Amino acid sequence: MLLFRNCVFLLCPIALSASLALTQQIERVGGAPNDHDVYANLAKTENFGKVGDLFLDMINKQNPMISKENLLKIVKARQESIKDFRCRYTVFAEMFGVNQNFDILKKISYEFGRSGDRLYLEYEPHNSGMNDPPKKMSYDGNSTLSLLNYRDGHLHAGIAGADVDSLRTFFQPHMPLILAKLFEISTYGGDLNDSSLLSFLQSGSLYAILEKKESIGEHECIVIADLSMRIYLDPQKDFSVIQSDGYRQEFSGGVLIGRWLSSRTRLFDLNNHDNGVWIPSEIVIENFDKRGEVIARHRIDVSLIEINKGIDDGYFTGFIPDDTLVADATTGLAYFYGERPSINGLLQATVQSKRVWIFQIISMTLGIILILIWIIIKYRKYRASM
């Protein structure tokens, strides 16, 4: 059944567009106004400069099924219960041009893990046309980042000091726990943006928990809304995220005059991992242009999720095989892994590199000579036959 769904997803964009149209039909129940009403009234009255006042007035009219304080307690307890996790997933990316024509397809597999402050990431592209090689990387939770990748059929390794920019590469935008808004990125410092539901609720942002419940498929959800985002929570699954919509705001002369749906993330088949943690087995992200046409789609298939099961130290340290040449930026030396970093190791690496280079030059020269000999023989045979 899953194979059939994958085939439909990859080969039938027209059918998927029809499915998209169905998922966008959201039924609303309840009496209080919502964020859509704010923008509708804004356009009707053309009182654009007072969108903040209209939104605040809308917030004050809500009587939701759960208060902000109680929701914050649930979300905080859930997120703090996650001490370590591993997830393995595959991302299928489609890009669309004019009239929904298929343009690009990429398939990339990831494995990501976190234990305390330690991180690891494995990355493997499946498209032969992609230039980015498979790689493994880890962060020891203190100051050191290790990288192992495959180029030209050879292993290459590097060790460097960790900073905000290097840590940023761990946090792939399609990671399931990020999309489920369960992962706190700001833990790693700098200007890394928070993406968790907890961070949003604690941010002081002008948002509302809407009184109107909204049905998405079989889920009757409460909705958290601000001026540019809507997050749908399922009370039957401990107020877990099952959908989030992003809106692009439209300005004229520096004044907000409206918004339009720019992205939608849908989470399917949520599984219970205890402590109120529900993780999807499939995620679909769609991006839209201003006309509502799909311009990009990503599907994430989750094959492994382990929460609070413990992670072997080997994922974070020691994954570089012995005798692999390492460029160590923390010492300024190059050496073969497993040996003591030294000038001797650097010299050995240099000598080995030169030997490989000389061998390649000799091989190319011999090849050229053989080709010339073959051409001469063929030419002589041709002249003899005339």
Protein backbone atom coordinates (compact mmCIF):
# COMPACT_ATOMS: atom_id res chain seq x y z
CA MET A 1 0.00 0.00 0.00
CA LEU A 2 2.87 2.38 0.88
CA LEU A 3 4.58 1.58 -2.42
CA PHE A 4 1.39 2.50 -4.27
CA ARG A 5 1.17 5.81 -2.41
CA ASN A 6 4.81 6.56 -3.25
CA CYS A 7 4.23 5.85 -6.93
CA VAL A 8 1.18 8.07 -7.01
CA PHE A 9 3.10 10.84 -5.28
CA LEU A 10 6.03 10.71 -7.64
CA LEU A 11 4.27 10.12 -10.94
CA CYS A 12 0.85 11.75 -10.72
CA PRO A 13 1.08 15.47 -9.83
CA ILE A 14 -2.38 16.07 -11.30
CA ALA A 15 -3.96 13.61 -8.85
CA LEU A 16 -1.99 15.18 -6.03
CA SER A 17 -3.26 18.64 -6.95
CA ALA A 18 -6.81 17.32 -6.67
CA SER A 19 -5.97 15.84 -3.28
CA LEU A 20 -4.51 19.17 -2.22
CA ALA A 21 -7.73 20.95 -3.11
CA LEU A 22 -9.65 18.57 -0.84
CA THR A 23 -7.29 19.03 2.10
CA GLN A 24 -7.64 22.79 1.87
CA GLN A 25 -11.39 22.59 2.50
CA ILE A 26 -11.46 23.17 6.25
CA GLU A 27 -14.76 23.18 8.09
CA ARG A 28 -15.16 25.82 10.78
CA VAL A 29 -17.51 25.69 13.76
CA GLY A 30 -18.02 28.14 16.62
CA GLY A 31 -19.10 31.75 17.09
CA ALA A 32 -16.09 33.97 17.86
CA PRO A 33 -14.23 35.72 15.02
CA ASN A 34 -10.86 34.39 13.93
CA ASP A 35 -7.74 35.62 12.14
CA HIS A 36 -9.32 35.11 8.70
CA ASP A 37 -12.13 37.45 9.77
CA VAL A 38 -9.56 40.08 10.82
CA TYR A 39 -8.03 40.15 7.34
CA ALA A 40 -11.45 40.05 5.66
CA ASN A 41 -12.60 43.07 7.70
CA LEU A 42 -9.28 44.76 7.00
CA ALA A 43 -9.82 44.49 3.25
CA LYS A 44 -13.47 45.54 3.55
CA THR A 45 -12.86 48.65 5.65
CA GLU A 46 -9.44 49.51 4.15
CA ASN A 47 -8.45 50.50 7.67
CA PHE A 48 -5.04 48.93 7.08
CA GLY A 49 -3.04 50.77 9.71
CA LYS A 50 -5.04 49.23 12.56
CA VAL A 51 -4.48 45.53 11.88
CA GLY A 52 -2.82 45.14 15.30
CA ASP A 53 -5.83 46.64 17.06
CA LEU A 54 -8.23 44.45 15.08
CA PHE A 55 -6.19 41.34 15.91
CA LEU A 56 -6.02 42.20 19.61
CA ASP A 57 -9.78 42.78 19.66
CA MET A 58 -10.24 39.35 18.06
CA ILE A 59 -8.03 37.74 20.74
CA ASN A 60 -10.10 39.26 23.53
CA LYS A 61 -13.28 37.71 22.13
CA GLN A 62 -11.98 34.13 22.29
CA ASN A 63 -13.15 31.53 24.82
CA PRO A 64 -11.04 28.50 23.83
CA MET A 65 -11.33 24.99 25.25
CA ILE A 66 -7.87 25.35 26.88
CA SER A 67 -6.15 28.42 28.29
CA LYS A 68 -2.73 29.61 27.22
CA GLU A 69 -1.36 28.78 30.67
CA ASN A 70 -2.60 25.18 30.66
CA LEU A 71 -1.50 24.57 27.09
CA LEU A 72 1.96 25.91 27.94
CA LYS A 73 2.22 23.48 30.89
CA ILE A 74 1.36 20.50 28.66
CA VAL A 75 3.73 21.53 25.87
CA LYS A 76 6.60 22.29 28.25
CA ALA A 77 6.29 18.97 30.11
CA ARG A 78 6.20 17.08 26.81
CA GLN A 79 9.25 18.77 25.33
CA GLU A 80 11.30 18.51 28.53
CA SER A 81 10.59 14.76 28.68
CA ILE A 82 12.66 14.22 25.51
CA LYS A 83 16.21 13.51 26.69
CA ASP A 84 17.53 11.80 23.59
CA PHE A 85 16.21 10.69 20.22
CA ARG A 86 17.17 9.15 16.90
CA CYS A 87 15.24 9.51 13.67
CA ARG A 88 15.83 8.07 10.20
CA TYR A 89 13.91 9.52 7.28
CA THR A 90 13.92 10.03 3.53
CA VAL A 91 13.02 13.28 1.78
CA PHE A 92 11.44 13.29 -1.69
CA ALA A 93 11.52 16.75 -3.28
CA GLU A 94 9.46 17.88 -6.27
CA MET A 95 9.67 21.29 -7.89
CA PHE A 96 7.02 22.57 -10.27
CA GLY A 97 7.15 25.17 -13.01
CA VAL A 98 4.44 26.68 -15.17
CA ASN A 99 1.16 24.69 -15.34
CA GLN A 100 2.34 22.21 -12.70
CA ASN A 101 4.94 20.69 -15.02
CA PHE A 102 7.37 18.35 -13.29
CA ASP A 103 10.84 19.90 -13.06
CA ILE A 104 13.11 18.33 -10.45
CA LEU A 105 13.06 15.31 -8.17
CA LYS A 106 15.56 14.72 -5.40
CA LYS A 107 15.72 11.86 -2.93
CA ILE A 108 17.90 12.18 0.17
CA SER A 109 18.15 9.94 3.24
CA TYR A 110 19.05 11.28 6.69
CA GLU A 111 19.68 9.94 10.14
CA PHE A 112 19.80 12.42 12.99
CA GLY A 113 20.39 11.91 16.69
CA ARG A 114 20.66 13.97 19.81
CA SER A 115 21.75 12.99 23.33
CA GLY A 116 22.05 15.86 25.76
CA ASP A 117 23.84 18.54 23.76
CA ARG A 118 25.59 16.02 21.49
CA LEU A 119 24.49 15.70 17.86
CA TYR A 120 25.12 13.46 14.88
CA LEU A 121 23.90 13.52 11.30
CA GLU A 122 24.24 11.06 8.41
CA TYR A 123 23.37 12.26 4.91
CA GLU A 124 23.09 10.25 1.69
CA PRO A 125 21.77 11.57 -1.64
CA HIS A 126 20.26 8.96 -3.99
CA ASN A 127 20.37 10.97 -7.21
CA SER A 128 23.42 10.44 -9.37
CA GLY A 129 23.26 14.02 -10.59
CA MET A 130 23.71 15.52 -7.11
CA ASN A 131 27.25 16.76 -6.45
CA ASP A 132 26.98 16.63 -2.65
CA PRO A 133 28.65 13.39 -1.45
CA PRO A 134 27.42 11.17 1.42
CA LYS A 135 28.71 12.34 4.77
CA LYS A 136 28.64 11.79 8.52
CA MET A 137 29.15 14.51 11.08
CA SER A 138 29.03 14.78 14.84
CA TYR A 139 29.24 17.37 17.59
CA ASP A 140 30.61 16.32 20.97
CA GLY A 141 28.42 18.77 22.89
CA ASN A 142 31.43 20.81 23.93
CA SER A 143 33.55 22.39 21.21
CA THR A 144 34.52 19.84 18.56
CA LEU A 145 32.87 18.96 15.28
CA SER A 146 33.94 15.90 13.25
CA LEU A 147 33.16 15.29 9.59
CA LEU A 148 33.55 12.20 7.42
CA ASN A 149 32.61 12.25 3.74
CA TYR A 150 33.14 10.28 0.55
CA ARG A 151 34.61 11.96 -2.53
CA ASP A 152 35.90 10.24 -5.63
CA GLY A 153 35.52 6.88 -3.92
CA HIS A 154 37.81 7.87 -1.02
CA LEU A 155 37.18 8.72 2.62
CA HIS A 156 38.03 12.24 3.78
CA ALA A 157 37.81 13.39 7.39
CA GLY A 158 38.03 16.71 9.17
CA ILE A 159 37.99 17.91 12.77
CA ALA A 160 37.23 21.53 13.64
CA GLY A 161 36.06 23.77 16.41
CA ALA A 162 32.27 24.07 16.57
CA ASP A 163 30.54 27.42 16.16
CA VAL A 164 27.00 28.55 15.42
CA ASP A 165 27.49 28.46 11.66
CA SER A 166 28.85 24.91 11.69
CA LEU A 167 26.11 23.68 14.06
CA ARG A 168 23.49 25.14 11.74
CA THR A 169 24.27 22.40 9.20
CA PHE A 170 22.91 19.74 11.57
CA PHE A 171 19.41 21.17 11.57
CA GLN A 172 17.93 20.12 8.25
CA PRO A 173 14.57 21.84 7.64
CA HIS A 174 12.77 18.55 6.96
CA MET A 175 13.69 16.83 10.22
CA PRO A 176 10.52 15.25 11.66
CA LEU A 177 10.93 16.61 15.20
CA ILE A 178 11.42 20.13 13.85
CA LEU A 179 8.27 19.85 11.71
CA ALA A 180 6.37 18.43 14.70
CA LYS A 181 7.60 21.54 16.60
CA LEU A 182 9.24 19.44 19.34
CA PHE A 183 12.88 20.43 18.91
CA GLU A 184 14.57 23.41 20.57
CA ILE A 185 17.27 24.70 18.22
CA SER A 186 18.22 27.78 20.26
CA THR A 187 19.85 25.47 22.82
CA TYR A 188 22.93 25.63 20.60
CA GLY A 189 23.24 29.40 20.85
CA GLY A 190 23.71 32.32 18.52
CA ASP A 191 20.94 33.40 16.21
CA LEU A 192 19.62 29.91 15.49
CA ASN A 193 15.87 30.38 15.30
CA ASP A 194 13.53 28.50 17.60
CA SER A 195 10.99 26.37 15.81
CA SER A 196 9.32 24.52 18.66
CA LEU A 197 5.77 25.06 19.83
CA LEU A 198 7.13 25.76 23.30
CA SER A 199 9.31 28.60 22.00
CA PHE A 200 6.37 30.09 20.14
CA LEU A 201 4.11 30.02 23.19
CA GLN A 202 6.84 31.60 25.33
CA SER A 203 7.89 34.21 22.79
CA GLY A 204 5.42 36.91 23.78
CA SER A 205 4.14 36.99 20.22
CA LEU A 206 0.66 38.39 19.61
CA TYR A 207 -1.29 35.16 19.09
CA ALA A 208 -4.68 33.64 19.88
CA ILE A 209 -5.92 30.18 20.80
CA LEU A 210 -9.10 30.31 18.75
CA GLU A 211 -12.50 29.39 20.12
CA LYS A 212 -13.57 27.95 16.77
CA LYS A 213 -12.48 24.38 16.34
CA GLU A 214 -11.55 23.40 12.80
CA SER A 215 -11.89 19.94 11.29
CA ILE A 216 -9.07 18.62 9.13
CA GLY A 217 -10.02 15.18 7.94
CA GLU A 218 -10.96 13.14 11.00
CA HIS A 219 -9.24 15.55 13.40
CA GLU A 220 -11.18 18.26 15.19
CA CYS A 221 -8.49 20.74 16.11
CA ILE A 222 -7.90 23.82 18.12
CA VAL A 223 -5.99 26.51 16.22
CA ILE A 224 -3.23 28.83 17.36
CA ALA A 225 -3.03 31.86 15.09
CA ASP A 226 -0.94 34.98 14.76
CA LEU A 227 -0.68 37.46 11.89
CA SER A 228 1.36 35.13 9.64
CA MET A 229 0.91 31.55 10.89
CA ARG A 230 -1.70 28.99 11.96
CA ILE A 231 -0.87 25.85 13.99
CA TYR A 232 -3.45 23.06 14.27
CA LEU A 233 -3.39 20.92 17.44
CA ASP A 234 -5.30 17.67 18.02
CA PRO A 235 -6.66 17.49 21.61
CA GLN A 236 -7.10 13.71 21.17
CA LYS A 237 -3.35 13.39 20.73
CA ASP A 238 -2.23 15.50 23.67
CA PHE A 239 -2.46 18.74 21.67
CA SER A 240 0.15 17.57 19.16
CA VAL A 241 0.72 19.47 15.93
CA ILE A 242 -0.95 17.89 12.88
CA GLN A 243 -0.76 20.84 10.50
CA SER A 244 0.81 24.27 10.25
CA ASP A 245 0.16 26.97 7.66
CA GLY A 246 2.46 29.84 6.84
CA TYR A 247 1.20 33.09 5.32
CA ARG A 248 3.11 35.74 3.43
CA GLN A 249 2.07 39.22 4.43
CA GLU A 250 1.37 41.79 1.73
CA PHE A 251 2.35 45.42 2.21
CA SER A 252 1.66 48.63 0.35
CA GLY A 253 3.62 51.74 1.20
CA GLY A 254 4.92 50.04 4.34
CA VAL A 255 1.36 49.25 5.54
CA LEU A 256 0.08 45.69 5.95
CA ILE A 257 -2.89 45.21 3.63
CA GLY A 258 -3.38 41.43 3.54
CA ARG A 259 -1.82 37.98 3.41
CA TRP A 260 -1.87 34.80 1.35
CA LEU A 261 -1.12 31.15 2.06
CA SER A 262 2.52 30.41 1.14
CA SER A 263 3.16 27.03 2.79
CA ARG A 264 1.35 24.10 4.39
CA THR A 265 2.87 21.28 6.45
CA ARG A 266 0.69 18.22 7.12
CA LEU A 267 1.61 15.43 9.53
CA PHE A 268 0.10 11.96 8.99
CA ASP A 269 -0.19 8.74 11.01
CA LEU A 270 0.99 10.06 14.37
CA ASN A 271 2.38 7.37 16.70
CA ASN A 272 2.48 7.59 20.49
CA HIS A 273 5.96 7.58 22.06
CA ASP A 274 4.74 8.22 25.64
CA ASN A 275 4.81 11.42 27.70
CA GLY A 276 2.47 13.08 25.21
CA VAL A 277 5.03 12.77 22.39
CA TRP A 278 3.38 11.92 19.05
CA ILE A 279 5.56 11.59 15.96
CA PRO A 280 4.24 11.28 12.37
CA SER A 281 5.30 8.51 9.99
CA GLU A 282 4.76 10.78 6.98
CA ILE A 283 4.93 14.53 6.45
CA VAL A 284 4.01 16.55 3.36
CA ILE A 285 5.15 20.14 2.86
CA GLU A 286 3.70 22.22 0.04
CA ASN A 287 4.66 25.72 -1.07
CA PHE A 288 2.30 27.95 -3.05
CA ASP A 289 2.52 31.03 -5.19
CA LYS A 290 0.13 33.94 -4.73
CA ARG A 291 -2.43 32.29 -7.05
CA GLY A 292 -2.57 29.21 -4.81
CA GLU A 293 -0.67 26.99 -7.27
CA VAL A 294 1.76 24.41 -5.87
CA ILE A 295 5.34 25.38 -6.76
CA ALA A 296 7.21 22.84 -4.60
CA ARG A 297 6.39 19.74 -2.60
CA HIS A 298 8.42 17.69 -0.15
CA ARG A 299 7.36 14.36 1.27
CA ILE A 300 9.19 12.95 4.29
CA ASP A 301 8.89 9.23 5.00
CA VAL A 302 9.93 8.40 8.58
CA SER A 303 11.37 4.88 8.95
CA LEU A 304 12.77 5.06 12.50
CA ILE A 305 11.96 7.04 15.63
CA GLU A 306 13.47 6.23 19.02
CA ILE A 307 12.69 8.50 21.98
CA ASN A 308 14.63 8.17 25.25
CA LYS A 309 16.13 4.80 24.28
CA GLY A 310 19.74 5.90 24.75
CA ILE A 311 22.30 6.40 21.96
CA ASP A 312 25.66 4.66 21.76
CA ASP A 313 28.67 6.97 22.18
CA GLY A 314 30.05 5.69 18.89
CA TYR A 315 27.56 7.85 17.01
CA PHE A 316 29.22 10.98 18.41
CA THR A 317 32.90 10.00 18.67
CA GLY A 318 35.14 7.42 17.06
CA PHE A 319 33.16 6.95 13.86
CA ILE A 320 36.17 7.91 11.72
CA PRO A 321 37.90 4.65 10.65
CA ASP A 322 41.55 4.12 11.57
CA ASP A 323 44.10 5.09 8.92
CA THR A 324 41.77 7.69 7.40
CA LEU A 325 43.60 10.90 6.54
CA VAL A 326 42.34 13.69 8.81
CA ALA A 327 42.72 17.44 8.39
CA ASP A 328 42.56 18.73 11.97
CA ALA A 329 41.82 22.46 12.11
CA THR A 330 42.05 22.46 15.92
CA THR A 331 45.78 21.60 15.77
CA GLY A 332 46.71 22.71 12.26
CA LEU A 333 48.01 19.21 11.50
CA ALA A 334 47.11 16.37 9.14
CA TYR A 335 47.46 12.77 10.25
CA PHE A 336 46.08 9.29 9.85
CA TYR A 337 43.27 8.67 12.31
CA GLY A 338 44.32 6.40 15.14
CA GLU A 339 47.84 7.83 15.21
CA ARG A 340 49.08 10.63 17.40
CA PRO A 341 48.71 13.95 15.51
CA SER A 342 52.22 15.02 14.56
CA ILE A 343 54.42 16.61 11.94
CA ASN A 344 55.42 13.05 11.03
CA GLY A 345 51.79 12.31 10.19
CA LEU A 346 51.62 15.44 8.08
CA LEU A 347 54.78 14.41 6.20
CA GLN A 348 53.43 10.89 5.64
CA ALA A 349 50.19 12.34 4.28
CA THR A 350 52.12 14.67 1.97
CA VAL A 351 54.36 11.85 0.70
CA GLN A 352 51.38 9.58 0.12
CA SER A 353 49.56 12.36 -1.74
CA LYS A 354 52.59 12.93 -3.98
CA ARG A 355 52.92 9.20 -4.65
CA VAL A 356 49.29 9.05 -5.75
CA TRP A 357 49.78 12.10 -7.97
CA ILE A 358 52.93 10.64 -9.60
CA PHE A 359 51.19 7.31 -10.17
CA GLN A 360 48.28 9.08 -11.85
CA ILE A 361 50.65 11.05 -14.14
CA ILE A 362 52.53 7.87 -15.13
CA SER A 363 49.27 6.02 -15.79
CA MET A 364 47.94 8.82 -17.99
CA THR A 365 51.24 9.02 -19.93
CA LEU A 366 51.31 5.26 -20.58
CA GLY A 367 47.68 5.42 -21.68
CA ILE A 368 48.42 8.18 -24.19
CA ILE A 369 51.44 6.25 -25.56
CA LEU A 370 49.35 3.08 -26.05
CA ILE A 371 46.65 5.05 -27.86
CA LEU A 372 49.27 6.61 -30.19
CA ILE A 373 50.77 3.18 -30.94
CA TRP A 374 47.30 1.84 -31.73
CA ILE A 375 46.61 4.78 -34.09
CA ILE A 376 49.96 4.27 -35.89
CA ILE A 377 49.31 0.55 -36.39
CA LYS A 378 45.82 1.24 -37.73
CA TYR A 379 47.18 3.93 -40.07
CA ARG A 380 49.90 1.64 -41.44
CA LYS A 381 47.38 -1.14 -42.08
CA TYR A 382 45.17 1.36 -43.87
CA ARG A 383 48.07 2.56 -46.09
CA ALA A 384 49.07 -1.02 -46.84
CA SER A 385 45.57 -1.90 -48.02
CA MET A 386 45.46 0.98 -50.54
